[in-house]
Amino acid sequence: MSNLDYTEEFRSITSNQNVDQQAMTFLSSFAAEFSGKFKEVIDLSENFKAWLKPTYNDLEQFDAHRFLEKRGETLTVKDLRNTLHNINIEPKTRLSFIEYLLFKYNKSAAELFENKPNSELVAKLEAAVEQYKGVMEAKAAKENRIKELREIVAKGGKDSPRARVELRQLEMGDPAKEVTEEMSAIHARLAAKRALLSPEEHNLRLLEEEKRRLEELNREQVNEERRQRELGRNRLKEKAALWK
């Protein structure tokens, strides 16, 4: 099907979804490809949002050029319009985030709607994304608070001593906990990557894991039988020794 077959669906996305929702729509459609690198798309969404004007979820043409230029993806006005026309449903001059993603990763609007990954596997990706975003948001909030406290301490005044105490606590923090949280987010991303395989690959992985489990169980059983035989021989030796 061509892009034109999805005019209403695409218009609904660009009109009703914010940048975060558009990012998840894109990731869900191309889950198998981006399950292990969704961080890149999430980071792009944060960068894109920094260029938005209040109440808008897309960029006007001038700001779109500036955004692309900062990323080393400069296009002329004509090139940008032609590119958007090729990946979009209808020609327009504003740039939405999902249009940028289609442009950046060379995807079409038709592919966006025709890709139908397994919903159970997509759920794993969504959970990994939420965990990653939670860790990053907490980290950003801490950095912002440290910045605020440093400004209060620098100015002095009655709030300075209390701010200095809180600042010391935040700067000392718990590095082990922060590392654990970030590693947990990374593991969730890798788990999503492993899960978002084709059905054949997923089933093969399950069979391999079950085979390893059975082999380990068999080894444990053989070792236990060997241990019981050894115990039996030792008991016989002990009884024989009593008759000497």
C-alpha atoms as a PDB file:
ATOM      1  CA  MET A   1       0.000   0.000   0.000  1.00  0.00           C
ATOM      2  CA  SER A   2       1.178   3.553  -0.639  1.00  0.00           C
ATOM      3  CA  ASN A   3       1.575   6.356   1.881  1.00  0.00           C
ATOM      4  CA  LEU A   4      -1.656   7.880   0.554  1.00  0.00           C
ATOM      5  CA  ASP A   5      -3.634   4.891   1.832  1.00  0.00           C
ATOM      6  CA  TYR A   6      -2.882   5.981   5.413  1.00  0.00           C
ATOM      7  CA  THR A   7      -3.720   9.677   5.220  1.00  0.00           C
ATOM      8  CA  GLU A   8      -6.197   9.737   8.094  1.00  0.00           C
ATOM      9  CA  GLU A   9      -4.141   7.452  10.364  1.00  0.00           C
ATOM     10  CA  PHE A  10      -0.992   9.496   9.909  1.00  0.00           C
ATOM     11  CA  ARG A  11      -2.821  12.789  10.376  1.00  0.00           C
ATOM     12  CA  SER A  12      -4.235  11.437  13.634  1.00  0.00           C
ATOM     13  CA  ILE A  13      -0.729  10.699  14.925  1.00  0.00           C
ATOM     14  CA  THR A  14       0.744  14.093  14.066  1.00  0.00           C
ATOM     15  CA  SER A  15      -2.341  15.950  15.336  1.00  0.00           C
ATOM     16  CA  ASN A  16      -3.114  14.051  18.531  1.00  0.00           C
ATOM     17  CA  GLN A  17       0.118  12.546  19.811  1.00  0.00           C
ATOM     18  CA  ASN A  18       2.843  14.436  21.638  1.00  0.00           C
ATOM     19  CA  VAL A  19       6.528  13.814  20.962  1.00  0.00           C
ATOM     20  CA  ASP A  20       6.853  11.029  23.550  1.00  0.00           C
ATOM     21  CA  GLN A  21       3.819   9.232  22.146  1.00  0.00           C
ATOM     22  CA  GLN A  22       5.112   9.577  18.590  1.00  0.00           C
ATOM     23  CA  ALA A  23       8.421   8.081  19.703  1.00  0.00           C
ATOM     24  CA  MET A  24       6.620   5.049  21.139  1.00  0.00           C
ATOM     25  CA  THR A  25       4.444   4.694  18.032  1.00  0.00           C
ATOM     26  CA  PHE A  26       7.599   4.549  15.924  1.00  0.00           C
ATOM     27  CA  LEU A  27       9.410   2.159  18.285  1.00  0.00           C
ATOM     28  CA  SER A  28       6.407  -0.148  18.501  1.00  0.00           C
ATOM     29  CA  SER A  29       6.119  -0.392  14.715  1.00  0.00           C
ATOM     30  CA  PHE A  30       9.833  -1.137  14.291  1.00  0.00           C
ATOM     31  CA  ALA A  31      10.288  -2.977  17.577  1.00  0.00           C
ATOM     32  CA  ALA A  32      12.484  -5.779  16.262  1.00  0.00           C
ATOM     33  CA  GLU A  33      14.930  -3.285  14.743  1.00  0.00           C
ATOM     34  CA  PHE A  34      15.077  -0.818  17.641  1.00  0.00           C
ATOM     35  CA  SER A  35      14.610  -3.020  20.704  1.00  0.00           C
ATOM     36  CA  GLY A  36      18.326  -2.882  21.493  1.00  0.00           C
ATOM     37  CA  LYS A  37      18.838   0.765  20.580  1.00  0.00           C
ATOM     38  CA  PHE A  38      15.654   2.517  21.684  1.00  0.00           C
ATOM     39  CA  LYS A  39      17.826   4.819  23.843  1.00  0.00           C
ATOM     40  CA  GLU A  40      18.866   6.581  20.648  1.00  0.00           C
ATOM     41  CA  VAL A  41      15.253   7.364  19.734  1.00  0.00           C
ATOM     42  CA  ILE A  42      14.347   8.481  23.271  1.00  0.00           C
ATOM     43  CA  ASP A  43      17.383  10.778  23.417  1.00  0.00           C
ATOM     44  CA  LEU A  44      16.412  12.203  20.015  1.00  0.00           C
ATOM     45  CA  SER A  45      12.916  12.939  21.317  1.00  0.00           C
ATOM     46  CA  GLU A  46      14.352  14.939  24.230  1.00  0.00           C
ATOM     47  CA  ASN A  47      16.529  16.902  21.829  1.00  0.00           C
ATOM     48  CA  PHE A  48      13.583  17.558  19.509  1.00  0.00           C
ATOM     49  CA  LYS A  49      11.407  18.789  22.406  1.00  0.00           C
ATOM     50  CA  ALA A  50      14.058  21.367  23.300  1.00  0.00           C
ATOM     51  CA  TRP A  51      13.318  23.108  19.979  1.00  0.00           C
ATOM     52  CA  LEU A  52       9.532  23.210  20.342  1.00  0.00           C
ATOM     53  CA  LYS A  53       7.614  26.388  21.013  1.00  0.00           C
ATOM     54  CA  PRO A  54       4.992  26.350  23.808  1.00  0.00           C
ATOM     55  CA  THR A  55       1.802  24.383  22.985  1.00  0.00           C
ATOM     56  CA  TYR A  56       3.336  22.969  19.765  1.00  0.00           C
ATOM     57  CA  ASN A  57       4.365  19.371  19.051  1.00  0.00           C
ATOM     58  CA  ASP A  58       6.040  20.107  15.695  1.00  0.00           C
ATOM     59  CA  LEU A  59       8.611  22.531  14.297  1.00  0.00           C
ATOM     60  CA  GLU A  60       8.027  25.275  11.806  1.00  0.00           C
ATOM     61  CA  GLN A  61      10.246  25.143   8.762  1.00  0.00           C
ATOM     62  CA  PHE A  62      12.893  27.593  10.026  1.00  0.00           C
ATOM     63  CA  ASP A  63      13.295  25.817  13.370  1.00  0.00           C
ATOM     64  CA  ALA A  64      13.271  22.457  11.600  1.00  0.00           C
ATOM     65  CA  HIS A  65      16.264  23.607   9.539  1.00  0.00           C
ATOM     66  CA  ARG A  66      18.068  24.778  12.658  1.00  0.00           C
ATOM     67  CA  PHE A  67      17.355  21.461  14.390  1.00  0.00           C
ATOM     68  CA  LEU A  68      18.679  19.494  11.413  1.00  0.00           C
ATOM     69  CA  GLU A  69      21.682  21.784  11.064  1.00  0.00           C
ATOM     70  CA  LYS A  70      22.673  21.277  14.706  1.00  0.00           C
ATOM     71  CA  ARG A  71      22.613  17.554  14.048  1.00  0.00           C
ATOM     72  CA  GLY A  72      24.684  17.847  10.885  1.00  0.00           C
ATOM     73  CA  GLU A  73      21.678  16.868   8.757  1.00  0.00           C
ATOM     74  CA  THR A  74      21.277  20.101   6.843  1.00  0.00           C
ATOM     75  CA  LEU A  75      18.862  20.145   3.918  1.00  0.00           C
ATOM     76  CA  THR A  76      17.790  22.960   1.645  1.00  0.00           C
ATOM     77  CA  VAL A  77      14.193  24.168   1.847  1.00  0.00           C
ATOM     78  CA  LYS A  78      13.413  22.320  -1.362  1.00  0.00           C
ATOM     79  CA  ASP A  79      15.146  19.123  -0.231  1.00  0.00           C
ATOM     80  CA  LEU A  80      13.349  19.120   3.097  1.00  0.00           C
ATOM     81  CA  ARG A  81       9.968  19.636   1.453  1.00  0.00           C
ATOM     82  CA  ASN A  82      10.644  16.878  -1.085  1.00  0.00           C
ATOM     83  CA  THR A  83      11.848  14.485   1.613  1.00  0.00           C
ATOM     84  CA  LEU A  84       8.795  15.087   3.775  1.00  0.00           C
ATOM     85  CA  HIS A  85       6.555  14.677   0.759  1.00  0.00           C
ATOM     86  CA  ASN A  86       8.112  11.274   0.037  1.00  0.00           C
ATOM     87  CA  ILE A  87       7.724   9.933   3.587  1.00  0.00           C
ATOM     88  CA  ASN A  88       4.587  11.781   4.569  1.00  0.00           C
ATOM     89  CA  ILE A  89       0.925  11.430   3.766  1.00  0.00           C
ATOM     90  CA  GLU A  90       0.282  15.026   2.773  1.00  0.00           C
ATOM     91  CA  PRO A  91       2.620  17.900   1.883  1.00  0.00           C
ATOM     92  CA  LYS A  92       3.208  20.454   4.669  1.00  0.00           C
ATOM     93  CA  THR A  93       5.968  22.702   5.873  1.00  0.00           C
ATOM     94  CA  ARG A  94       6.017  21.875   9.601  1.00  0.00           C
ATOM     95  CA  LEU A  95       8.062  18.935  10.885  1.00  0.00           C
ATOM     96  CA  SER A  96       6.679  16.504  13.453  1.00  0.00           C
ATOM     97  CA  PHE A  97       8.934  14.168  15.411  1.00  0.00           C
ATOM     98  CA  ILE A  98       7.604  11.013  13.784  1.00  0.00           C
ATOM     99  CA  GLU A  99       8.261  12.539  10.352  1.00  0.00           C
ATOM    100  CA  TYR A 100      11.816  13.251  11.432  1.00  0.00           C
ATOM    101  CA  LEU A 101      12.232   9.631  12.553  1.00  0.00           C
ATOM    102  CA  LEU A 102      10.910   8.343   9.226  1.00  0.00           C
ATOM    103  CA  PHE A 103      13.331  10.676   7.452  1.00  0.00           C
ATOM    104  CA  LYS A 104      16.330   9.794   9.651  1.00  0.00           C
ATOM    105  CA  TYR A 105      15.874   6.024   9.476  1.00  0.00           C
ATOM    106  CA  ASN A 106      14.675   5.932   5.868  1.00  0.00           C
ATOM    107  CA  LYS A 107      11.235   4.512   6.644  1.00  0.00           C
ATOM    108  CA  SER A 108       7.935   5.144   4.867  1.00  0.00           C
ATOM    109  CA  ALA A 109       4.556   5.923   6.385  1.00  0.00           C
ATOM    110  CA  ALA A 110       3.252   2.701   4.842  1.00  0.00           C
ATOM    111  CA  GLU A 111       5.892   0.678   6.724  1.00  0.00           C
ATOM    112  CA  LEU A 112       4.904   2.457   9.926  1.00  0.00           C
ATOM    113  CA  PHE A 113       1.365   1.086   9.706  1.00  0.00           C
ATOM    114  CA  GLU A 114       2.012  -2.249   8.024  1.00  0.00           C
ATOM    115  CA  ASN A 115       4.596  -3.530  10.530  1.00  0.00           C
ATOM    116  CA  LYS A 116       2.715  -5.532  13.181  1.00  0.00           C
ATOM    117  CA  PRO A 117       5.117  -6.922  15.818  1.00  0.00           C
ATOM    118  CA  ASN A 118       3.821  -9.308  18.454  1.00  0.00           C
ATOM    119  CA  SER A 119       2.016  -7.241  21.116  1.00  0.00           C
ATOM    120  CA  GLU A 120       3.465  -9.299  23.982  1.00  0.00           C
ATOM    121  CA  LEU A 121       6.990  -8.620  22.783  1.00  0.00           C
ATOM    122  CA  VAL A 122       6.279  -4.927  22.246  1.00  0.00           C
ATOM    123  CA  ALA A 123       5.124  -4.754  25.871  1.00  0.00           C
ATOM    124  CA  LYS A 124       8.636  -5.776  26.955  1.00  0.00           C
ATOM    125  CA  LEU A 125      10.081  -2.942  24.908  1.00  0.00           C
ATOM    126  CA  GLU A 126       7.629  -0.429  26.378  1.00  0.00           C
ATOM    127  CA  ALA A 127       8.520  -1.544  29.917  1.00  0.00           C
ATOM    128  CA  ALA A 128      12.239  -1.185  29.164  1.00  0.00           C
ATOM    129  CA  VAL A 129      11.670   2.307  27.737  1.00  0.00           C
ATOM    130  CA  GLU A 130       9.709   3.403  30.816  1.00  0.00           C
ATOM    131  CA  GLN A 131      12.416   2.105  33.126  1.00  0.00           C
ATOM    132  CA  TYR A 132      15.148   3.858  31.155  1.00  0.00           C
ATOM    133  CA  LYS A 133      13.204   7.142  31.099  1.00  0.00           C
ATOM    134  CA  GLY A 134      12.572   6.887  34.836  1.00  0.00           C
ATOM    135  CA  VAL A 135      16.276   6.506  35.578  1.00  0.00           C
ATOM    136  CA  MET A 136      17.200   9.383  33.280  1.00  0.00           C
ATOM    137  CA  GLU A 137      14.488  11.678  34.681  1.00  0.00           C
ATOM    138  CA  ALA A 138      15.635  11.013  38.246  1.00  0.00           C
ATOM    139  CA  LYS A 139      19.214  11.710  37.229  1.00  0.00           C
ATOM    140  CA  ALA A 140      18.238  14.978  35.518  1.00  0.00           C
ATOM    141  CA  ALA A 141      16.142  16.068  38.519  1.00  0.00           C
ATOM    142  CA  LYS A 142      19.094  15.479  40.828  1.00  0.00           C
ATOM    143  CA  GLU A 143      21.450  17.450  38.563  1.00  0.00           C
ATOM    144  CA  ASN A 144      18.980  20.360  38.390  1.00  0.00           C
ATOM    145  CA  ARG A 145      18.572  20.384  42.167  1.00  0.00           C
ATOM    146  CA  ILE A 146      22.351  20.400  42.663  1.00  0.00           C
ATOM    147  CA  LYS A 147      22.586  23.380  40.305  1.00  0.00           C
ATOM    148  CA  GLU A 148      19.884  25.259  42.261  1.00  0.00           C
ATOM    149  CA  LEU A 149      21.557  24.543  45.597  1.00  0.00           C
ATOM    150  CA  ARG A 150      24.946  25.711  44.354  1.00  0.00           C
ATOM    151  CA  GLU A 151      23.397  29.015  43.309  1.00  0.00           C
ATOM    152  CA  ILE A 152      21.801  29.438  46.753  1.00  0.00           C
ATOM    153  CA  VAL A 153      25.090  28.673  48.507  1.00  0.00           C
ATOM    154  CA  ALA A 154      26.976  31.090  46.233  1.00  0.00           C
ATOM    155  CA  LYS A 155      24.566  33.924  47.075  1.00  0.00           C
ATOM    156  CA  GLY A 156      24.818  33.340  50.821  1.00  0.00           C
ATOM    157  CA  GLY A 157      22.022  34.451  53.134  1.00  0.00           C
ATOM    158  CA  LYS A 158      19.805  32.644  55.628  1.00  0.00           C
ATOM    159  CA  ASP A 159      19.043  29.735  53.288  1.00  0.00           C
ATOM    160  CA  SER A 160      22.694  29.050  52.533  1.00  0.00           C
ATOM    161  CA  PRO A 161      23.544  26.733  55.494  1.00  0.00           C
ATOM    162  CA  ARG A 162      20.552  24.464  54.860  1.00  0.00           C
ATOM    163  CA  ALA A 163      21.262  24.434  51.131  1.00  0.00           C
ATOM    164  CA  ARG A 164      24.902  23.530  51.837  1.00  0.00           C
ATOM    165  CA  VAL A 165      23.829  20.495  53.883  1.00  0.00           C
ATOM    166  CA  GLU A 166      21.415  19.257  51.205  1.00  0.00           C
ATOM    167  CA  LEU A 167      24.016  19.895  48.518  1.00  0.00           C
ATOM    168  CA  ARG A 168      26.598  17.806  50.374  1.00  0.00           C
ATOM    169  CA  GLN A 169      24.096  14.958  50.736  1.00  0.00           C
ATOM    170  CA  LEU A 170      23.200  15.003  47.034  1.00  0.00           C
ATOM    171  CA  GLU A 171      26.813  15.237  45.875  1.00  0.00           C
ATOM    172  CA  MET A 172      27.831  12.343  48.115  1.00  0.00           C
ATOM    173  CA  GLY A 173      24.725  10.393  47.109  1.00  0.00           C
ATOM    174  CA  ASP A 174      24.839   6.632  46.753  1.00  0.00           C
ATOM    175  CA  PRO A 175      26.979   5.832  43.689  1.00  0.00           C
ATOM    176  CA  ALA A 176      26.318   2.106  44.065  1.00  0.00           C
ATOM    177  CA  LYS A 177      22.559   2.665  43.952  1.00  0.00           C
ATOM    178  CA  GLU A 178      22.802   4.940  40.914  1.00  0.00           C
ATOM    179  CA  VAL A 179      24.980   2.457  39.065  1.00  0.00           C
ATOM    180  CA  THR A 180      22.567  -0.342  39.989  1.00  0.00           C
ATOM    181  CA  GLU A 181      19.592   1.623  38.641  1.00  0.00           C
ATOM    182  CA  GLU A 182      21.378   2.431  35.380  1.00  0.00           C
ATOM    183  CA  MET A 183      22.536  -1.163  34.978  1.00  0.00           C
ATOM    184  CA  SER A 184      18.980  -2.347  35.647  1.00  0.00           C
ATOM    185  CA  ALA A 185      17.745  -0.102  32.842  1.00  0.00           C
ATOM    186  CA  ILE A 186      20.455  -1.470  30.543  1.00  0.00           C
ATOM    187  CA  HIS A 187      19.510  -5.061  31.406  1.00  0.00           C
ATOM    188  CA  ALA A 188      15.864  -4.283  30.672  1.00  0.00           C
ATOM    189  CA  ARG A 189      16.912  -2.951  27.270  1.00  0.00           C
ATOM    190  CA  LEU A 190      18.919  -6.085  26.549  1.00  0.00           C
ATOM    191  CA  ALA A 191      16.036  -8.289  27.712  1.00  0.00           C
ATOM    192  CA  ALA A 192      13.744  -6.482  25.294  1.00  0.00           C
ATOM    193  CA  LYS A 193      16.292  -6.982  22.539  1.00  0.00           C
ATOM    194  CA  ARG A 194      16.474 -10.713  23.234  1.00  0.00           C
ATOM    195  CA  ALA A 195      12.713 -11.042  23.410  1.00  0.00           C
ATOM    196  CA  LEU A 196      11.954  -9.124  20.235  1.00  0.00           C
ATOM    197  CA  LEU A 197      13.140 -11.830  17.883  1.00  0.00           C
ATOM    198  CA  SER A 198      11.193 -13.386  15.074  1.00  0.00           C
ATOM    199  CA  PRO A 199       8.809 -16.138  16.279  1.00  0.00           C
ATOM    200  CA  GLU A 200      11.147 -18.804  14.856  1.00  0.00           C
ATOM    201  CA  GLU A 201      14.202 -17.308  16.594  1.00  0.00           C
ATOM    202  CA  HIS A 202      12.272 -16.869  19.819  1.00  0.00           C
ATOM    203  CA  ASN A 203      11.089 -20.509  19.808  1.00  0.00           C
ATOM    204  CA  LEU A 204      14.599 -21.727  18.974  1.00  0.00           C
ATOM    205  CA  ARG A 205      16.026 -19.753  21.893  1.00  0.00           C
ATOM    206  CA  LEU A 206      13.400 -21.255  24.219  1.00  0.00           C
ATOM    207  CA  LEU A 207      14.275 -24.773  23.009  1.00  0.00           C
ATOM    208  CA  GLU A 208      17.981 -24.131  23.567  1.00  0.00           C
ATOM    209  CA  GLU A 209      17.325 -22.799  27.072  1.00  0.00           C
ATOM    210  CA  GLU A 210      15.135 -25.823  27.882  1.00  0.00           C
ATOM    211  CA  LYS A 211      17.834 -28.158  26.536  1.00  0.00           C
ATOM    212  CA  ARG A 212      20.462 -26.497  28.760  1.00  0.00           C
ATOM    213  CA  ARG A 213      18.093 -26.719  31.736  1.00  0.00           C
ATOM    214  CA  LEU A 214      17.519 -30.464  31.189  1.00  0.00           C
ATOM    215  CA  GLU A 215      21.244 -31.086  30.729  1.00  0.00           C
ATOM    216  CA  GLU A 216      21.984 -29.309  33.993  1.00  0.00           C
ATOM    217  CA  LEU A 217      19.225 -31.258  35.735  1.00  0.00           C
ATOM    218  CA  ASN A 218      20.657 -34.505  34.383  1.00  0.00           C
ATOM    219  CA  ARG A 219      24.150 -33.565  35.609  1.00  0.00           C
ATOM    220  CA  GLU A 220      22.763 -32.852  39.060  1.00  0.00           C
ATOM    221  CA  GLN A 221      20.934 -36.177  39.077  1.00  0.00           C
ATOM    222  CA  VAL A 222      24.050 -38.104  38.005  1.00  0.00           C
ATOM    223  CA  ASN A 223      26.123 -36.340  40.681  1.00  0.00           C
ATOM    224  CA  GLU A 224      23.517 -37.114  43.341  1.00  0.00           C
ATOM    225  CA  GLU A 225      23.433 -40.800  42.341  1.00  0.00           C
ATOM    226  CA  ARG A 226      27.238 -40.909  42.459  1.00  0.00           C
ATOM    227  CA  ARG A 227      27.184 -39.306  45.901  1.00  0.00           C
ATOM    228  CA  GLN A 228      24.601 -41.823  47.186  1.00  0.00           C
ATOM    229  CA  ARG A 229      26.669 -44.755  45.865  1.00  0.00           C
ATOM    230  CA  GLU A 230      29.745 -43.347  47.566  1.00  0.00           C
ATOM    231  CA  LEU A 231      27.842 -42.987  50.833  1.00  0.00           C
ATOM    232  CA  GLY A 232      26.634 -46.608  50.476  1.00  0.00           C
ATOM    233  CA  ARG A 233      30.180 -47.915  49.968  1.00  0.00           C
ATOM    234  CA  ASN A 234      31.415 -45.957  52.967  1.00  0.00           C
ATOM    235  CA  ARG A 235      28.655 -47.423  55.171  1.00  0.00           C
ATOM    236  CA  LEU A 236      29.576 -50.954  54.044  1.00  0.00           C
ATOM    237  CA  LYS A 237      33.221 -50.277  54.839  1.00  0.00           C
ATOM    238  CA  GLU A 238      32.264 -48.992  58.289  1.00  0.00           C
ATOM    239  CA  LYS A 239      30.144 -52.102  58.988  1.00  0.00           C
ATOM    240  CA  ALA A 240      32.906 -54.409  57.730  1.00  0.00           C
ATOM    241  CA  ALA A 241      35.362 -52.682  60.031  1.00  0.00           C
ATOM    242  CA  LEU A 242      33.186 -53.555  63.043  1.00  0.00           C
ATOM    243  CA  TRP A 243      33.620 -57.292  62.354  1.00  0.00           C
ATOM    244  CA  LYS A 244      37.383 -57.167  62.281  1.00  0.00           C
END
